[in-house]
């Protein structure tokens, strides 16, 4: 997971989650455009990601890593 600036006048940020498969290839999982890269936006993004991909061993037992 990581965030980056969008070159727009409104100062928006893109939050993104990507994954790696068994062949070490990267693939996108989710992204969102938010007003600011702050705790509120990241909390919302992670909660929505959990809803989308599920949680626990029955849904892959995900390991999430961040650049921070």
PDB file of N, CA and C in Angstrom:
ATOM      1  N   UNK A   1       0.843  -1.155   0.000  1.00  0.00           N
ATOM      2  CA  UNK A   1       0.000   0.000   0.000  1.00  0.00           C
ATOM      3  C   UNK A   1       0.893   1.224   0.000  1.00  0.00           C
ATOM      4  N   UNK A   2       0.406   2.241  -0.721  1.00  0.00           N
ATOM      5  CA  UNK A   2       1.162   3.477  -0.783  1.00  0.00           C
ATOM      6  C   UNK A   2       0.226   4.589  -1.220  1.00  0.00           C
ATOM      7  N   UNK A   3       0.662   5.807  -1.049  1.00  0.00           N
ATOM      8  CA  UNK A   3      -0.080   6.975  -1.495  1.00  0.00           C
ATOM      9  C   UNK A   3       0.807   7.828  -2.372  1.00  0.00           C
ATOM     10  N   UNK A   4       0.197   8.606  -3.260  1.00  0.00           N
ATOM     11  CA  UNK A   4       0.983   9.505  -4.102  1.00  0.00           C
ATOM     12  C   UNK A   4       0.148  10.729  -4.454  1.00  0.00           C
ATOM     13  N   UNK A   5       0.838  11.805  -4.836  1.00  0.00           N
ATOM     14  CA  UNK A   5       0.178  13.039  -5.211  1.00  0.00           C
ATOM     15  C   UNK A   5      -0.444  12.915  -6.589  1.00  0.00           C
ATOM     16  N   UNK A   6      -1.543  13.602  -6.788  1.00  0.00           N
ATOM     17  CA  UNK A   6      -2.158  13.746  -8.103  1.00  0.00           C
ATOM     18  C   UNK A   6      -1.879  15.169  -8.542  1.00  0.00           C
ATOM     19  N   UNK A   7      -1.402  15.358  -9.745  1.00  0.00           N
ATOM     20  CA  UNK A   7      -1.053  16.702 -10.202  1.00  0.00           C
ATOM     21  C   UNK A   7      -2.304  17.457 -10.645  1.00  0.00           C
ATOM     22  N   UNK A   8      -3.153  17.758  -9.693  1.00  0.00           N
ATOM     23  CA  UNK A   8      -4.359  18.539  -9.916  1.00  0.00           C
ATOM     24  C   UNK A   8      -4.331  19.738  -8.980  1.00  0.00           C
ATOM     25  N   UNK A   9      -5.103  20.739  -9.289  1.00  0.00           N
ATOM     26  CA  UNK A   9      -5.118  21.952  -8.463  1.00  0.00           C
ATOM     27  C   UNK A   9      -5.797  21.739  -7.115  1.00  0.00           C
ATOM     28  N   UNK A  10      -6.585  20.658  -6.974  1.00  0.00           N
ATOM     29  CA  UNK A  10      -7.296  20.448  -5.705  1.00  0.00           C
ATOM     30  C   UNK A  10      -6.458  19.715  -4.656  1.00  0.00           C
ATOM     31  N   UNK A  11      -5.237  19.294  -4.976  1.00  0.00           N
ATOM     32  CA  UNK A  11      -4.361  18.652  -3.998  1.00  0.00           C
ATOM     33  C   UNK A  11      -4.742  17.233  -3.644  1.00  0.00           C
ATOM     34  N   UNK A  12      -5.517  16.569  -4.493  1.00  0.00           N
ATOM     35  CA  UNK A  12      -5.968  15.204  -4.215  1.00  0.00           C
ATOM     36  C   UNK A  12      -4.790  14.240  -4.129  1.00  0.00           C
ATOM     37  N   UNK A  13      -5.030  13.106  -3.478  1.00  0.00           N
ATOM     38  CA  UNK A  13      -4.041  12.047  -3.314  1.00  0.00           C
ATOM     39  C   UNK A  13      -4.642  10.742  -3.831  1.00  0.00           C
ATOM     40  N   UNK A  14      -3.802   9.848  -4.305  1.00  0.00           N
ATOM     41  CA  UNK A  14      -4.231   8.509  -4.686  1.00  0.00           C
ATOM     42  C   UNK A  14      -3.663   7.537  -3.661  1.00  0.00           C
ATOM     43  N   UNK A  15      -4.527   6.720  -3.080  1.00  0.00           N
ATOM     44  CA  UNK A  15      -4.109   5.638  -2.198  1.00  0.00           C
ATOM     45  C   UNK A  15      -4.275   4.356  -2.994  1.00  0.00           C
ATOM     46  N   UNK A  16      -3.295   3.469  -2.945  1.00  0.00           N
ATOM     47  CA  UNK A  16      -3.350   2.267  -3.767  1.00  0.00           C
ATOM     48  C   UNK A  16      -2.851   1.051  -3.008  1.00  0.00           C
ATOM     49  N   UNK A  17      -3.421  -0.098  -3.346  1.00  0.00           N
ATOM     50  CA  UNK A  17      -2.968  -1.384  -2.825  1.00  0.00           C
ATOM     51  C   UNK A  17      -2.667  -2.271  -4.022  1.00  0.00           C
ATOM     52  N   UNK A  18      -1.512  -2.892  -4.010  1.00  0.00           N
ATOM     53  CA  UNK A  18      -1.144  -3.818  -5.086  1.00  0.00           C
ATOM     54  C   UNK A  18      -0.675  -5.118  -4.464  1.00  0.00           C
ATOM     55  N   UNK A  19      -0.608  -6.160  -5.278  1.00  0.00           N
ATOM     56  CA  UNK A  19      -0.205  -7.462  -4.772  1.00  0.00           C
ATOM     57  C   UNK A  19       0.815  -8.123  -5.671  1.00  0.00           C
ATOM     58  N   UNK A  20       1.348  -9.238  -5.210  1.00  0.00           N
ATOM     59  CA  UNK A  20       2.275 -10.057  -6.003  1.00  0.00           C
ATOM     60  C   UNK A  20       1.717 -11.472  -6.052  1.00  0.00           C
ATOM     61  N   UNK A  21       1.793 -12.068  -7.236  1.00  0.00           N
ATOM     62  CA  UNK A  21       1.327 -13.443  -7.364  1.00  0.00           C
ATOM     63  C   UNK A  21       2.490 -14.419  -7.217  1.00  0.00           C
ATOM     64  N   UNK A  22       2.222 -15.691  -7.430  1.00  0.00           N
ATOM     65  CA  UNK A  22       3.235 -16.726  -7.267  1.00  0.00           C
ATOM     66  C   UNK A  22       4.401 -16.610  -8.231  1.00  0.00           C
ATOM     67  N   UNK A  23       4.224 -15.870  -9.334  1.00  0.00           N
ATOM     68  CA  UNK A  23       5.296 -15.655 -10.310  1.00  0.00           C
ATOM     69  C   UNK A  23       6.034 -14.346 -10.059  1.00  0.00           C
ATOM     70  N   UNK A  24       5.775 -13.727  -8.911  1.00  0.00           N
ATOM     71  CA  UNK A  24       6.382 -12.459  -8.517  1.00  0.00           C
ATOM     72  C   UNK A  24       5.965 -11.291  -9.408  1.00  0.00           C
ATOM     73  N   UNK A  25       4.818 -11.429 -10.064  1.00  0.00           N
ATOM     74  CA  UNK A  25       4.272 -10.340 -10.874  1.00  0.00           C
ATOM     75  C   UNK A  25       3.359  -9.478 -10.011  1.00  0.00           C
ATOM     76  N   UNK A  26       3.408  -8.164 -10.221  1.00  0.00           N
ATOM     77  CA  UNK A  26       2.562  -7.254  -9.450  1.00  0.00           C
ATOM     78  C   UNK A  26       1.224  -7.068 -10.158  1.00  0.00           C
ATOM     79  N   UNK A  27       0.164  -6.876  -9.363  1.00  0.00           N
ATOM     80  CA  UNK A  27      -1.157  -6.600  -9.913  1.00  0.00           C
ATOM     81  C   UNK A  27      -1.901  -5.639  -8.990  1.00  0.00           C
ATOM     82  N   UNK A  28      -2.739  -4.770  -9.563  1.00  0.00           N
ATOM     83  CA  UNK A  28      -3.491  -3.821  -8.736  1.00  0.00           C
ATOM     84  C   UNK A  28      -4.628  -4.524  -8.005  1.00  0.00           C
ATOM     85  N   UNK A  29      -4.853  -4.107  -6.774  1.00  0.00           N
ATOM     86  CA  UNK A  29      -5.965  -4.641  -5.992  1.00  0.00           C
ATOM     87  C   UNK A  29      -7.042  -3.577  -5.828  1.00  0.00           C
ATOM     88  N   UNK A  30      -6.646  -2.384  -5.418  1.00  0.00           N
ATOM     89  CA  UNK A  30      -7.621  -1.310  -5.191  1.00  0.00           C
ATOM     90  C   UNK A  30      -6.911   0.033  -5.224  1.00  0.00           C
ATOM     91  N   UNK A  31      -7.685   1.069  -5.549  1.00  0.00           N
ATOM     92  CA  UNK A  31      -7.169   2.432  -5.436  1.00  0.00           C
ATOM     93  C   UNK A  31      -8.315   3.354  -5.098  1.00  0.00           C
ATOM     94  N   UNK A  32      -7.981   4.505  -4.546  1.00  0.00           N
ATOM     95  CA  UNK A  32      -8.979   5.520  -4.213  1.00  0.00           C
ATOM     96  C   UNK A  32      -8.349   6.893  -4.348  1.00  0.00           C
ATOM     97  N   UNK A  33      -9.130   7.848  -4.780  1.00  0.00           N
ATOM     98  CA  UNK A  33      -8.710   9.249  -4.820  1.00  0.00           C
ATOM     99  C   UNK A  33      -9.340   9.929  -3.612  1.00  0.00           C
ATOM    100  N   UNK A  34      -8.494  10.504  -2.758  1.00  0.00           N
ATOM    101  CA  UNK A  34      -8.969  11.141  -1.526  1.00  0.00           C
ATOM    102  C   UNK A  34      -8.486  12.588  -1.472  1.00  0.00           C
ATOM    103  N   UNK A  35      -9.080  13.363  -0.617  1.00  0.00           N
ATOM    104  CA  UNK A  35      -8.731  14.773  -0.498  1.00  0.00           C
ATOM    105  C   UNK A  35      -7.357  15.007   0.094  1.00  0.00           C
ATOM    106  N   UNK A  36      -6.935  14.127   1.015  1.00  0.00           N
ATOM    107  CA  UNK A  36      -5.639  14.285   1.677  1.00  0.00           C
ATOM    108  C   UNK A  36      -5.155  12.922   2.146  1.00  0.00           C
ATOM    109  N   UNK A  37      -3.850  12.739   2.186  1.00  0.00           N
ATOM    110  CA  UNK A  37      -3.272  11.508   2.713  1.00  0.00           C
ATOM    111  C   UNK A  37      -3.106  11.697   4.214  1.00  0.00           C
ATOM    112  N   UNK A  38      -4.154  11.347   4.957  1.00  0.00           N
ATOM    113  CA  UNK A  38      -4.151  11.510   6.402  1.00  0.00           C
ATOM    114  C   UNK A  38      -4.709  10.250   7.054  1.00  0.00           C
ATOM    115  N   UNK A  39      -4.757  10.235   8.371  1.00  0.00           N
ATOM    116  CA  UNK A  39      -5.200   9.055   9.116  1.00  0.00           C
ATOM    117  C   UNK A  39      -6.646   8.703   8.780  1.00  0.00           C
ATOM    118  N   UNK A  40      -7.499   9.697   8.599  1.00  0.00           N
ATOM    119  CA  UNK A  40      -8.908   9.440   8.266  1.00  0.00           C
ATOM    120  C   UNK A  40      -9.023   8.745   6.918  1.00  0.00           C
ATOM    121  N   UNK A  41      -8.312   9.244   5.907  1.00  0.00           N
ATOM    122  CA  UNK A  41      -8.370   8.648   4.570  1.00  0.00           C
ATOM    123  C   UNK A  41      -7.799   7.232   4.564  1.00  0.00           C
ATOM    124  N   UNK A  42      -6.669   7.021   5.236  1.00  0.00           N
ATOM    125  CA  UNK A  42      -6.073   5.693   5.273  1.00  0.00           C
ATOM    126  C   UNK A  42      -6.954   4.707   6.031  1.00  0.00           C
ATOM    127  N   UNK A  43      -7.558   5.139   7.123  1.00  0.00           N
ATOM    128  CA  UNK A  43      -8.458   4.260   7.879  1.00  0.00           C
ATOM    129  C   UNK A  43      -9.630   3.840   7.010  1.00  0.00           C
ATOM    130  N   UNK A  44     -10.236   4.792   6.324  1.00  0.00           N
ATOM    131  CA  UNK A  44     -11.350   4.486   5.432  1.00  0.00           C
ATOM    132  C   UNK A  44     -10.905   3.522   4.324  1.00  0.00           C
ATOM    133  N   UNK A  45      -9.740   3.778   3.711  1.00  0.00           N
ATOM    134  CA  UNK A  45      -9.245   2.943   2.620  1.00  0.00           C
ATOM    135  C   UNK A  45      -9.011   1.504   3.091  1.00  0.00           C
ATOM    136  N   UNK A  46      -8.371   1.333   4.227  1.00  0.00           N
ATOM    137  CA  UNK A  46      -8.094  -0.009   4.744  1.00  0.00           C
ATOM    138  C   UNK A  46      -9.388  -0.723   5.115  1.00  0.00           C
ATOM    139  N   UNK A  47     -10.353  -0.010   5.689  1.00  0.00           N
ATOM    140  CA  UNK A  47     -11.639  -0.624   6.002  1.00  0.00           C
ATOM    141  C   UNK A  47     -12.351  -1.087   4.735  1.00  0.00           C
ATOM    142  N   UNK A  48     -12.348  -0.278   3.689  1.00  0.00           N
ATOM    143  CA  UNK A  48     -12.984  -0.650   2.425  1.00  0.00           C
ATOM    144  C   UNK A  48     -12.234  -1.796   1.751  1.00  0.00           C
ATOM    145  N   UNK A  49     -10.913  -1.818   1.879  1.00  0.00           N
ATOM    146  CA  UNK A  49     -10.117  -2.908   1.331  1.00  0.00           C
ATOM    147  C   UNK A  49     -10.470  -4.219   2.030  1.00  0.00           C
ATOM    148  N   UNK A  50     -10.634  -4.167   3.339  1.00  0.00           N
ATOM    149  CA  UNK A  50     -11.003  -5.354   4.106  1.00  0.00           C
ATOM    150  C   UNK A  50     -12.370  -5.878   3.678  1.00  0.00           C
ATOM    151  N   UNK A  51     -13.309  -4.980   3.420  1.00  0.00           N
ATOM    152  CA  UNK A  51     -14.629  -5.386   2.940  1.00  0.00           C
ATOM    153  C   UNK A  51     -14.518  -6.042   1.559  1.00  0.00           C
ATOM    154  N   UNK A  52     -13.685  -5.470   0.692  1.00  0.00           N
ATOM    155  CA  UNK A  52     -13.570  -5.956  -0.686  1.00  0.00           C
ATOM    156  C   UNK A  52     -12.869  -7.307  -0.787  1.00  0.00           C
ATOM    157  N   UNK A  53     -11.802  -7.530  -0.015  1.00  0.00           N
ATOM    158  CA  UNK A  53     -11.030  -8.769  -0.163  1.00  0.00           C
ATOM    159  C   UNK A  53     -11.300  -9.776   0.941  1.00  0.00           C
ATOM    160  N   UNK A  54     -12.029  -9.385   1.969  1.00  0.00           N
ATOM    161  CA  UNK A  54     -12.307 -10.293   3.077  1.00  0.00           C
ATOM    162  C   UNK A  54     -11.145 -10.334   4.055  1.00  0.00           C
ATOM    163  N   UNK A  55     -11.350 -11.036   5.144  1.00  0.00           N
ATOM    164  CA  UNK A  55     -10.296 -11.159   6.146  1.00  0.00           C
ATOM    165  C   UNK A  55     -10.240 -12.574   6.664  1.00  0.00           C
ATOM    166  N   UNK A  56      -9.137 -12.940   7.259  1.00  0.00           N
ATOM    167  CA  UNK A  56      -8.977 -14.261   7.843  1.00  0.00           C
ATOM    168  C   UNK A  56      -8.452 -15.293   6.858  1.00  0.00           C
ATOM    169  N   UNK A  57      -8.141 -16.454   7.363  1.00  0.00           N
ATOM    170  CA  UNK A  57      -7.558 -17.530   6.557  1.00  0.00           C
ATOM    171  C   UNK A  57      -8.492 -17.993   5.443  1.00  0.00           C
ATOM    172  N   UNK A  58      -9.797 -17.913   5.655  1.00  0.00           N
ATOM    173  CA  UNK A  58     -10.750 -18.326   4.631  1.00  0.00           C
ATOM    174  C   UNK A  58     -10.712 -17.454   3.391  1.00  0.00           C
ATOM    175  N   UNK A  59     -10.118 -16.282   3.492  1.00  0.00           N
ATOM    176  CA  UNK A  59     -10.023 -15.356   2.366  1.00  0.00           C
ATOM    177  C   UNK A  59      -8.585 -15.099   1.947  1.00  0.00           C
ATOM    178  N   UNK A  60      -7.716 -16.037   2.190  1.00  0.00           N
ATOM    179  CA  UNK A  60      -6.339 -15.911   1.723  1.00  0.00           C
ATOM    180  C   UNK A  60      -5.322 -15.591   2.797  1.00  0.00           C
ATOM    181  N   UNK A  61      -5.758 -15.186   3.971  1.00  0.00           N
ATOM    182  CA  UNK A  61      -4.811 -14.846   5.033  1.00  0.00           C
ATOM    183  C   UNK A  61      -3.824 -13.777   4.591  1.00  0.00           C
ATOM    184  N   UNK A  62      -4.316 -12.626   4.203  1.00  0.00           N
ATOM    185  CA  UNK A  62      -3.517 -11.552   3.612  1.00  0.00           C
ATOM    186  C   UNK A  62      -2.447 -11.016   4.546  1.00  0.00           C
ATOM    187  N   UNK A  63      -1.302 -10.642   3.978  1.00  0.00           N
ATOM    188  CA  UNK A  63      -0.274  -9.915   4.672  1.00  0.00           C
ATOM    189  C   UNK A  63      -0.185  -8.546   4.014  1.00  0.00           C
ATOM    190  N   UNK A  64      -0.327  -7.491   4.775  1.00  0.00           N
ATOM    191  CA  UNK A  64      -0.316  -6.138   4.215  1.00  0.00           C
ATOM    192  C   UNK A  64       0.954  -5.439   4.653  1.00  0.00           C
ATOM    193  N   UNK A  65       1.649  -4.844   3.682  1.00  0.00           N
ATOM    194  CA  UNK A  65       2.874  -4.104   3.961  1.00  0.00           C
ATOM    195  C   UNK A  65       2.701  -2.693   3.426  1.00  0.00           C
ATOM    196  N   UNK A  66       3.291  -1.753   4.122  1.00  0.00           N
ATOM    197  CA  UNK A  66       3.213  -0.347   3.739  1.00  0.00           C
ATOM    198  C   UNK A  66       4.616   0.220   3.579  1.00  0.00           C
ATOM    199  N   UNK A  67       4.705   1.269   2.783  1.00  0.00           N
ATOM    200  CA  UNK A  67       5.987   1.934   2.601  1.00  0.00           C
ATOM    201  C   UNK A  67       6.393   2.768   3.805  1.00  0.00           C
ATOM    202  N   UNK A  68       5.547   2.834   4.803  1.00  0.00           N
ATOM    203  CA  UNK A  68       5.845   3.648   5.968  1.00  0.00           C
ATOM    204  C   UNK A  68       6.251   2.815   7.098  1.00  0.00           C
TER     205      UNK A  68
END
